[in-house]
Amino acid sequence: MPVAFVCRTRSAMSPQELFDLSRNIDAHVGSMTKSREKAIDGVTTGLISEGEQVTWQAWHLGVRFRMTSRITRMEAPASFTDEQVRGPFKYLRHTHEFRQDGSGTLMVDTVEFAAPFGPLGRLLEKLVLARYLQDLIETRNGFLVGQAPPALDKR
């Protein structure tokens, strides 16, 4: 059974602006400088679309990882889903939703994942991975919201 969590982030940007920024490879790289994340195969710059994939290389928890994810569903500008097709997780799905919220947008990220390694993996999910992944998403979202033009950002 996968572990799941939800992050909610508000922004003054429109749903379309946040939708495009959230699927922008360059913005993702900018948000993950701490983990030295970079796109090394597939769509490596600009906007990624349904059916396309990207391979990421990054350092997390002191270990270098590679993960390939594919955009498996997209309903512009309301949502898109990316799923791991190769990488460190037994299962990983990230659904991004963009809901009009007054004059801005509520961005809702739902992440479901399962670690490999049976009972040891389940222990790691609860002790380390869930919080670590949630912190990554919150950091990424803070970066994205900070990309709004200053006159529009009403956080």
C-alpha atoms as a PDB file:
ATOM      1  CA  MET A   1       0.000   0.000   0.000  1.00  0.00           C
ATOM      2  CA  PRO A   2       1.502   3.361  -1.035  1.00  0.00           C
ATOM      3  CA  VAL A   3       2.121   6.228   1.376  1.00  0.00           C
ATOM      4  CA  ALA A   4       0.394   9.484   0.398  1.00  0.00           C
ATOM      5  CA  PHE A   5       0.516  13.129   1.382  1.00  0.00           C
ATOM      6  CA  VAL A   6      -0.957  16.389   0.094  1.00  0.00           C
ATOM      7  CA  CYS A   7       0.653  19.850  -0.101  1.00  0.00           C
ATOM      8  CA  ARG A   8      -1.450  22.980  -0.651  1.00  0.00           C
ATOM      9  CA  THR A   9       0.136  26.206  -1.879  1.00  0.00           C
ATOM     10  CA  ARG A  10      -1.524  29.506  -2.753  1.00  0.00           C
ATOM     11  CA  SER A  11      -0.254  31.905  -5.391  1.00  0.00           C
ATOM     12  CA  ALA A  12      -1.333  35.149  -7.022  1.00  0.00           C
ATOM     13  CA  MET A  13      -0.579  33.591 -10.425  1.00  0.00           C
ATOM     14  CA  SER A  14      -3.377  32.322 -12.647  1.00  0.00           C
ATOM     15  CA  PRO A  15      -3.984  28.555 -12.930  1.00  0.00           C
ATOM     16  CA  GLN A  16      -2.544  28.644 -16.478  1.00  0.00           C
ATOM     17  CA  GLU A  17       0.650  30.413 -15.347  1.00  0.00           C
ATOM     18  CA  LEU A  18       1.216  27.976 -12.474  1.00  0.00           C
ATOM     19  CA  PHE A  19       0.305  24.977 -14.643  1.00  0.00           C
ATOM     20  CA  ASP A  20       2.960  25.955 -17.191  1.00  0.00           C
ATOM     21  CA  LEU A  21       5.561  26.859 -14.565  1.00  0.00           C
ATOM     22  CA  SER A  22       5.001  23.527 -12.771  1.00  0.00           C
ATOM     23  CA  ARG A  23       5.729  21.522 -15.912  1.00  0.00           C
ATOM     24  CA  ASN A  24       8.717  23.641 -16.905  1.00  0.00           C
ATOM     25  CA  ILE A  25      11.927  21.589 -16.673  1.00  0.00           C
ATOM     26  CA  ASP A  26      14.104  24.686 -16.175  1.00  0.00           C
ATOM     27  CA  ALA A  27      11.947  25.910 -13.259  1.00  0.00           C
ATOM     28  CA  HIS A  28      12.147  22.453 -11.666  1.00  0.00           C
ATOM     29  CA  VAL A  29      15.946  22.479 -11.937  1.00  0.00           C
ATOM     30  CA  GLY A  30      15.994  25.974 -10.392  1.00  0.00           C
ATOM     31  CA  SER A  31      13.888  24.783  -7.466  1.00  0.00           C
ATOM     32  CA  MET A  32      16.142  21.797  -6.740  1.00  0.00           C
ATOM     33  CA  THR A  33      19.603  23.394  -6.574  1.00  0.00           C
ATOM     34  CA  LYS A  34      20.189  21.936  -3.092  1.00  0.00           C
ATOM     35  CA  SER A  35      19.980  18.383  -4.475  1.00  0.00           C
ATOM     36  CA  ARG A  36      21.894  19.306  -7.669  1.00  0.00           C
ATOM     37  CA  GLU A  37      19.014  17.964  -9.727  1.00  0.00           C
ATOM     38  CA  LYS A  38      19.374  18.090 -13.491  1.00  0.00           C
ATOM     39  CA  ALA A  39      17.502  16.711 -16.492  1.00  0.00           C
ATOM     40  CA  ILE A  40      19.806  14.338 -18.387  1.00  0.00           C
ATOM     41  CA  ASP A  41      17.542  12.591 -20.918  1.00  0.00           C
ATOM     42  CA  GLY A  42      14.156  12.992 -22.597  1.00  0.00           C
ATOM     43  CA  VAL A  43      12.698  16.479 -22.299  1.00  0.00           C
ATOM     44  CA  THR A  44      15.584  18.378 -20.709  1.00  0.00           C
ATOM     45  CA  THR A  45      14.438  22.000 -21.079  1.00  0.00           C
ATOM     46  CA  GLY A  46      11.211  23.948 -21.498  1.00  0.00           C
ATOM     47  CA  LEU A  47       7.707  22.519 -21.073  1.00  0.00           C
ATOM     48  CA  ILE A  48       6.999  18.803 -20.756  1.00  0.00           C
ATOM     49  CA  SER A  49       3.680  17.473 -22.110  1.00  0.00           C
ATOM     50  CA  GLU A  50       1.479  14.396 -21.864  1.00  0.00           C
ATOM     51  CA  GLY A  51       3.248  11.224 -22.996  1.00  0.00           C
ATOM     52  CA  GLU A  52       6.709  12.764 -22.683  1.00  0.00           C
ATOM     53  CA  GLN A  53       9.305  11.769 -20.136  1.00  0.00           C
ATOM     54  CA  VAL A  54      12.395  13.136 -18.438  1.00  0.00           C
ATOM     55  CA  THR A  55      15.274  11.430 -16.654  1.00  0.00           C
ATOM     56  CA  TRP A  56      16.509  13.279 -13.590  1.00  0.00           C
ATOM     57  CA  GLN A  57      19.814  12.903 -11.817  1.00  0.00           C
ATOM     58  CA  ALA A  58      20.107  14.251  -8.277  1.00  0.00           C
ATOM     59  CA  TRP A  59      21.641  13.755  -4.868  1.00  0.00           C
ATOM     60  CA  HIS A  60      19.183  12.915  -2.087  1.00  0.00           C
ATOM     61  CA  LEU A  61      20.054  11.756   1.420  1.00  0.00           C
ATOM     62  CA  GLY A  62      23.714  11.599   0.381  1.00  0.00           C
ATOM     63  CA  VAL A  63      23.079   9.183  -2.515  1.00  0.00           C
ATOM     64  CA  ARG A  64      23.060   9.896  -6.257  1.00  0.00           C
ATOM     65  CA  PHE A  65      19.798   8.835  -7.876  1.00  0.00           C
ATOM     66  CA  ARG A  66      18.438   8.632 -11.401  1.00  0.00           C
ATOM     67  CA  MET A  67      14.715   8.603 -11.989  1.00  0.00           C
ATOM     68  CA  THR A  68      12.709   8.666 -15.197  1.00  0.00           C
ATOM     69  CA  SER A  69       9.181  10.016 -14.987  1.00  0.00           C
ATOM     70  CA  ARG A  70       6.472  10.327 -17.616  1.00  0.00           C
ATOM     71  CA  ILE A  71       3.515  12.692 -17.823  1.00  0.00           C
ATOM     72  CA  THR A  72       0.687  10.147 -17.849  1.00  0.00           C
ATOM     73  CA  ARG A  73      -2.293  12.505 -17.734  1.00  0.00           C
ATOM     74  CA  MET A  74      -2.821  16.172 -18.532  1.00  0.00           C
ATOM     75  CA  GLU A  75      -5.920  18.365 -18.455  1.00  0.00           C
ATOM     76  CA  ALA A  76      -4.656  21.895 -19.142  1.00  0.00           C
ATOM     77  CA  PRO A  77      -4.706  24.069 -17.125  1.00  0.00           C
ATOM     78  CA  ALA A  78      -6.407  22.134 -14.323  1.00  0.00           C
ATOM     79  CA  SER A  79      -4.016  19.235 -13.665  1.00  0.00           C
ATOM     80  CA  PHE A  80      -1.312  16.842 -14.750  1.00  0.00           C
ATOM     81  CA  THR A  81       0.155  13.654 -13.337  1.00  0.00           C
ATOM     82  CA  ASP A  82       3.701  12.368 -13.532  1.00  0.00           C
ATOM     83  CA  GLU A  83       4.709   8.819 -12.639  1.00  0.00           C
ATOM     84  CA  GLN A  84       8.049   7.134 -12.184  1.00  0.00           C
ATOM     85  CA  VAL A  85       8.795   4.629 -14.948  1.00  0.00           C
ATOM     86  CA  ARG A  86      12.353   3.843 -13.749  1.00  0.00           C
ATOM     87  CA  GLY A  87      14.043   4.782 -10.523  1.00  0.00           C
ATOM     88  CA  PRO A  88      14.504   4.242  -6.829  1.00  0.00           C
ATOM     89  CA  PHE A  89      10.858   3.812  -5.828  1.00  0.00           C
ATOM     90  CA  LYS A  90       8.704   0.759  -6.163  1.00  0.00           C
ATOM     91  CA  TYR A  91       5.939   3.207  -7.107  1.00  0.00           C
ATOM     92  CA  LEU A  92       5.703   7.020  -7.353  1.00  0.00           C
ATOM     93  CA  ARG A  93       2.824   9.154  -8.645  1.00  0.00           C
ATOM     94  CA  HIS A  94       2.573  12.949  -8.322  1.00  0.00           C
ATOM     95  CA  THR A  95      -0.700  14.662  -9.252  1.00  0.00           C
ATOM     96  CA  HIS A  96      -0.574  18.452  -9.670  1.00  0.00           C
ATOM     97  CA  GLU A  97      -3.896  20.345  -9.499  1.00  0.00           C
ATOM     98  CA  PHE A  98      -4.488  24.062 -10.096  1.00  0.00           C
ATOM     99  CA  ARG A  99      -7.721  25.543  -8.760  1.00  0.00           C
ATOM    100  CA  GLN A 100      -8.898  29.129  -9.166  1.00  0.00           C
ATOM    101  CA  ASP A 101      -8.795  30.689  -5.685  1.00  0.00           C
ATOM    102  CA  GLY A 102     -10.121  34.243  -5.602  1.00  0.00           C
ATOM    103  CA  SER A 103      -7.741  36.285  -7.738  1.00  0.00           C
ATOM    104  CA  GLY A 104      -5.071  33.559  -7.663  1.00  0.00           C
ATOM    105  CA  THR A 105      -4.578  29.813  -7.603  1.00  0.00           C
ATOM    106  CA  LEU A 106      -4.582  27.029  -5.057  1.00  0.00           C
ATOM    107  CA  MET A 107      -2.001  24.463  -6.135  1.00  0.00           C
ATOM    108  CA  VAL A 108      -2.659  21.002  -4.695  1.00  0.00           C
ATOM    109  CA  ASP A 109       0.059  18.359  -4.959  1.00  0.00           C
ATOM    110  CA  THR A 110      -0.866  14.766  -4.121  1.00  0.00           C
ATOM    111  CA  VAL A 111       2.084  12.400  -3.884  1.00  0.00           C
ATOM    112  CA  GLU A 112       1.730   8.628  -3.558  1.00  0.00           C
ATOM    113  CA  PHE A 113       4.776   6.405  -3.268  1.00  0.00           C
ATOM    114  CA  ALA A 114       6.092   3.064  -2.072  1.00  0.00           C
ATOM    115  CA  ALA A 115       9.684   2.192  -1.317  1.00  0.00           C
ATOM    116  CA  PRO A 116      11.293  -1.077  -2.364  1.00  0.00           C
ATOM    117  CA  PHE A 117      12.777  -3.557   0.140  1.00  0.00           C
ATOM    118  CA  GLY A 118       9.599  -4.906   1.770  1.00  0.00           C
ATOM    119  CA  PRO A 119       9.305  -4.302   5.547  1.00  0.00           C
ATOM    120  CA  LEU A 120      12.533  -2.255   5.653  1.00  0.00           C
ATOM    121  CA  GLY A 121      11.185  -0.030   2.870  1.00  0.00           C
ATOM    122  CA  ARG A 122       7.901   0.475   4.724  1.00  0.00           C
ATOM    123  CA  LEU A 123       9.850   1.531   7.811  1.00  0.00           C
ATOM    124  CA  LEU A 124      11.917   3.998   5.747  1.00  0.00           C
ATOM    125  CA  GLU A 125       8.710   5.390   4.193  1.00  0.00           C
ATOM    126  CA  LYS A 126       7.377   6.330   7.596  1.00  0.00           C
ATOM    127  CA  LEU A 127      10.604   7.373   9.332  1.00  0.00           C
ATOM    128  CA  VAL A 128      12.365   9.323   6.564  1.00  0.00           C
ATOM    129  CA  LEU A 129      10.936   9.344   3.047  1.00  0.00           C
ATOM    130  CA  ALA A 130       7.462  10.829   3.598  1.00  0.00           C
ATOM    131  CA  ARG A 131       8.798  13.908   5.416  1.00  0.00           C
ATOM    132  CA  TYR A 132      11.755  14.255   3.034  1.00  0.00           C
ATOM    133  CA  LEU A 133       9.540  14.152  -0.063  1.00  0.00           C
ATOM    134  CA  GLN A 134       7.019  16.546   1.462  1.00  0.00           C
ATOM    135  CA  ASP A 135       9.835  19.008   2.249  1.00  0.00           C
ATOM    136  CA  LEU A 136      11.039  18.711  -1.380  1.00  0.00           C
ATOM    137  CA  ILE A 137       7.557  19.520  -2.728  1.00  0.00           C
ATOM    138  CA  GLU A 138       7.130  22.443  -0.320  1.00  0.00           C
ATOM    139  CA  THR A 139      10.555  23.825  -1.296  1.00  0.00           C
ATOM    140  CA  ARG A 140       9.730  23.453  -4.990  1.00  0.00           C
ATOM    141  CA  ASN A 141       6.357  25.142  -4.555  1.00  0.00           C
ATOM    142  CA  GLY A 142       7.898  28.028  -2.614  1.00  0.00           C
ATOM    143  CA  PHE A 143      10.331  28.549  -5.475  1.00  0.00           C
ATOM    144  CA  LEU A 144       7.546  28.459  -8.085  1.00  0.00           C
ATOM    145  CA  VAL A 145       5.365  30.926  -6.184  1.00  0.00           C
ATOM    146  CA  GLY A 146       8.412  33.190  -5.872  1.00  0.00           C
ATOM    147  CA  GLN A 147       8.591  33.344  -9.680  1.00  0.00           C
ATOM    148  CA  ALA A 148       5.456  35.516  -9.819  1.00  0.00           C
ATOM    149  CA  PRO A 149       6.102  39.098 -10.924  1.00  0.00           C
ATOM    150  CA  PRO A 150       6.529  41.159  -7.694  1.00  0.00           C
ATOM    151  CA  ALA A 151       3.505  43.351  -8.417  1.00  0.00           C
ATOM    152  CA  LEU A 152       1.289  40.264  -8.677  1.00  0.00           C
ATOM    153  CA  ASP A 153       2.593  38.237  -5.730  1.00  0.00           C
ATOM    154  CA  LYS A 154       0.123  38.832  -2.868  1.00  0.00           C
ATOM    155  CA  ARG A 155       1.189  36.074  -0.474  1.00  0.00           C
END
